Amino acid sequence: MATDHSEAFDVLMASLDAPLAIVTTASGDETAGCLIGFHCQASIAPLRQAVWLSKANHTYRVALRATHLAVHLLTEDDHDLAELFGTLTGDETDKIAPHAHTSGPGGVPLLEACAHRVVLRRTVLVDEVGDHVCLMGEVVEATSTGPFRPLRLSDVGDIEPGHPNEDRPAPPTERADA
């Protein structure tokens, strides 16, 4: 629902030009991944990170049952990965299988193409009935090859989301039912 403040809020948030990431997760034999722009460090001691997943995404529904998440921070050279994970829907496509990956803690898929990542053990889920849910986790693994230039929201204006915000299928996931 739009408010008198929504236009100004949109301008403020666009000015921040969020860095993008891909979140991957797994529950049982089912894997999932999606492009996100909502994520941040949530604590220094102990190390915590928070991510917000759209309720429209297959990844959200898998993450509800998962113990771990991986946050793959994208570089300015990762537009192709952002496009794949941002435009295809996991309801119909396994986005993880075509990419080289290893299994991390809790079975979470770790994309080999992404050198900068954090693996979280999920500790908190906050759902305030909006279109996104906050998942916070304890950092159990972090890898990086050094400083990098992140891929930002302003770099992917050509990407059309796989789901509009209005799509909010209820669990269980469609692929799990197949």
Protein backbone atom coordinates (compact mmCIF):
# COMPACT_ATOMS: atom_id res chain seq x y z
CA MET A 1 0.00 0.00 0.00
CA ALA A 2 1.46 3.37 -1.01
CA THR A 3 1.80 6.11 1.62
CA ASP A 4 2.61 9.78 1.41
CA HIS A 5 6.16 8.78 2.23
CA SER A 6 6.60 5.99 -0.34
CA GLU A 7 8.05 8.14 -3.14
CA ALA A 8 10.64 9.76 -0.86
CA PHE A 9 11.48 6.36 0.65
CA ASP A 10 12.04 4.92 -2.84
CA VAL A 11 14.43 7.79 -3.66
CA LEU A 12 16.35 7.28 -0.43
CA MET A 13 16.73 3.54 -0.92
CA ALA A 14 17.71 3.86 -4.61
CA SER A 15 20.39 6.37 -3.59
CA LEU A 16 21.99 3.74 -1.35
CA ASP A 17 22.52 1.52 -4.42
CA ALA A 18 22.58 -1.80 -2.56
CA PRO A 19 25.22 -4.42 -3.33
CA LEU A 20 23.69 -7.63 -4.68
CA ALA A 21 24.15 -11.19 -3.53
CA ILE A 22 22.89 -14.66 -4.33
CA VAL A 23 21.49 -16.66 -1.43
CA THR A 24 21.59 -20.44 -1.73
CA THR A 25 20.09 -22.98 0.62
CA ALA A 26 19.06 -26.61 0.83
CA SER A 27 16.59 -28.79 2.67
CA GLY A 28 16.88 -32.52 2.17
CA ASP A 29 17.54 -33.10 -1.53
CA GLU A 30 16.05 -29.77 -2.60
CA THR A 31 18.33 -26.82 -3.36
CA ALA A 32 17.42 -23.24 -4.15
CA GLY A 33 18.99 -19.89 -4.87
CA CYS A 34 17.90 -16.33 -5.63
CA LEU A 35 19.24 -12.84 -6.20
CA ILE A 36 18.85 -10.47 -3.25
CA GLY A 37 19.51 -6.83 -2.53
CA PHE A 38 18.44 -6.81 1.12
CA HIS A 39 21.28 -8.03 3.36
CA CYS A 40 23.65 -6.64 5.98
CA GLN A 41 25.94 -7.42 8.86
CA ALA A 42 23.77 -7.67 11.96
CA SER A 43 26.34 -8.04 14.76
CA ILE A 44 30.08 -7.72 15.31
CA ALA A 45 30.39 -10.04 18.31
CA PRO A 46 29.16 -12.62 17.75
CA LEU A 47 29.37 -12.41 13.96
CA ARG A 48 25.84 -12.30 12.50
CA GLN A 49 24.40 -11.46 9.10
CA ALA A 50 20.80 -10.84 8.07
CA VAL A 51 19.18 -11.44 4.70
CA TRP A 52 15.67 -10.72 3.57
CA LEU A 53 14.00 -13.14 1.15
CA SER A 54 10.92 -12.42 -0.91
CA LYS A 55 7.96 -14.62 -0.02
CA ALA A 56 7.39 -14.99 -3.76
CA ASN A 57 10.64 -16.92 -4.19
CA HIS A 58 11.12 -20.67 -4.16
CA THR A 59 14.29 -19.99 -2.13
CA TYR A 60 12.20 -18.54 0.70
CA ARG A 61 10.10 -21.69 0.90
CA VAL A 62 13.17 -23.96 0.96
CA ALA A 63 14.90 -21.68 3.50
CA LEU A 64 11.97 -22.12 5.89
CA ARG A 65 13.06 -25.75 6.31
CA ALA A 66 16.84 -25.22 6.00
CA THR A 67 19.43 -24.93 8.75
CA HIS A 68 22.00 -23.00 6.68
CA LEU A 69 22.17 -20.27 4.04
CA ALA A 70 25.08 -19.11 1.91
CA VAL A 71 25.32 -15.46 0.92
CA HIS A 72 27.43 -15.13 -2.26
CA LEU A 73 28.50 -11.51 -2.69
CA LEU A 74 28.57 -10.58 -6.37
CA THR A 75 31.32 -8.61 -8.08
CA GLU A 76 30.84 -6.15 -10.92
CA ASP A 77 31.78 -9.03 -13.27
CA ASP A 78 28.87 -11.25 -12.12
CA HIS A 79 26.01 -9.71 -14.09
CA ASP A 80 25.34 -13.05 -15.84
CA LEU A 81 24.86 -14.83 -12.50
CA ALA A 82 22.63 -12.01 -11.24
CA GLU A 83 20.53 -12.34 -14.38
CA LEU A 84 20.17 -16.11 -14.04
CA PHE A 85 19.34 -16.09 -10.33
CA GLY A 86 17.15 -13.00 -10.62
CA THR A 87 15.04 -13.77 -13.69
CA LEU A 88 14.39 -17.50 -13.54
CA THR A 89 12.01 -18.90 -10.97
CA GLY A 90 13.06 -21.86 -8.87
CA ASP A 91 9.45 -23.07 -9.05
CA GLU A 92 10.24 -24.30 -12.56
CA THR A 93 14.05 -24.37 -12.83
CA ASP A 94 16.83 -25.82 -10.70
CA LYS A 95 19.20 -22.84 -10.77
CA ILE A 96 21.93 -24.60 -8.76
CA ALA A 97 22.47 -27.81 -10.79
CA PRO A 98 23.95 -26.20 -13.95
CA HIS A 99 26.67 -24.46 -11.95
CA ALA A 100 29.79 -25.93 -10.40
CA HIS A 101 29.18 -26.06 -6.68
CA THR A 102 30.17 -27.91 -3.55
CA SER A 103 28.14 -28.84 -0.52
CA GLY A 104 28.84 -26.70 2.51
CA PRO A 105 27.68 -26.85 6.13
CA GLY A 106 24.12 -28.16 6.40
CA GLY A 107 24.24 -29.19 2.73
CA VAL A 108 24.05 -25.59 1.52
CA PRO A 109 25.25 -25.24 -2.11
CA LEU A 110 28.39 -23.11 -2.46
CA LEU A 111 28.76 -21.66 -5.96
CA GLU A 112 32.35 -22.06 -7.13
CA ALA A 113 32.02 -19.01 -9.40
CA CYS A 114 31.55 -16.78 -6.34
CA ALA A 115 34.75 -16.38 -4.32
CA HIS A 116 33.23 -13.96 -1.78
CA ARG A 117 30.71 -15.65 0.48
CA VAL A 118 29.44 -16.14 3.98
CA VAL A 119 27.77 -19.30 5.26
CA LEU A 120 25.20 -18.82 8.00
CA ARG A 121 23.61 -21.19 10.45
CA ARG A 122 20.08 -19.86 10.64
CA THR A 123 19.24 -18.56 14.12
CA VAL A 124 16.29 -16.17 13.72
CA LEU A 125 13.37 -15.71 11.34
CA VAL A 126 11.34 -12.49 11.50
CA ASP A 127 8.08 -12.21 9.55
CA GLU A 128 6.20 -8.98 10.06
CA VAL A 129 3.66 -9.83 7.34
CA GLY A 130 5.43 -7.81 4.62
CA ASP A 131 6.55 -9.18 1.25
CA HIS A 132 9.99 -10.21 2.62
CA VAL A 133 11.12 -12.28 5.61
CA CYS A 134 14.31 -11.61 7.56
CA LEU A 135 16.58 -14.57 8.25
CA MET A 136 19.50 -13.95 10.55
CA GLY A 137 22.33 -16.34 11.07
CA GLU A 138 25.56 -17.07 12.85
CA VAL A 139 28.59 -16.89 10.56
CA VAL A 140 30.07 -20.41 10.40
CA GLU A 141 32.29 -19.86 7.36
CA ALA A 142 33.51 -16.87 5.33
CA THR A 143 35.74 -16.82 2.25
CA SER A 144 37.15 -14.04 0.09
CA THR A 145 39.98 -13.48 -2.34
CA GLY A 146 40.36 -9.88 -1.16
CA PRO A 147 38.72 -6.51 -1.82
CA PHE A 148 36.31 -6.30 -4.77
CA ARG A 149 33.84 -3.96 -6.45
CA PRO A 150 30.32 -5.23 -5.74
CA LEU A 151 27.63 -5.58 -8.37
CA ARG A 152 25.00 -3.02 -7.36
CA LEU A 153 21.31 -2.55 -7.94
CA SER A 154 22.00 0.24 -10.43
CA ASP A 155 24.03 -2.26 -12.52
CA VAL A 156 21.07 -4.59 -13.13
CA GLY A 157 18.27 -2.31 -14.29
CA ASP A 158 17.88 -4.58 -17.32
CA ILE A 159 16.89 -7.60 -15.19
CA GLU A 160 13.20 -8.48 -14.88
CA PRO A 161 12.39 -10.44 -11.70
CA GLY A 162 11.20 -14.03 -12.02
CA HIS A 163 8.28 -13.20 -9.69
CA PRO A 164 6.55 -9.89 -9.03
CA ASN A 165 6.11 -9.00 -5.33
CA GLU A 166 2.41 -9.86 -5.55
CA ASP A 167 3.23 -13.56 -6.09
CA ARG A 168 3.31 -15.34 -2.76
CA PRO A 169 2.71 -19.06 -3.14
CA ALA A 170 2.39 -20.93 0.13
CA PRO A 171 4.72 -23.76 1.19
CA PRO A 172 5.42 -26.52 0.28
CA THR A 173 7.48 -25.78 -2.81
CA GLU A 174 6.18 -26.77 -6.20
CA ARG A 175 9.28 -28.75 -7.22
CA ALA A 176 9.21 -30.70 -3.95
CA ASP A 177 5.66 -31.83 -4.73
CA ALA A 178 6.57 -33.06 -8.23
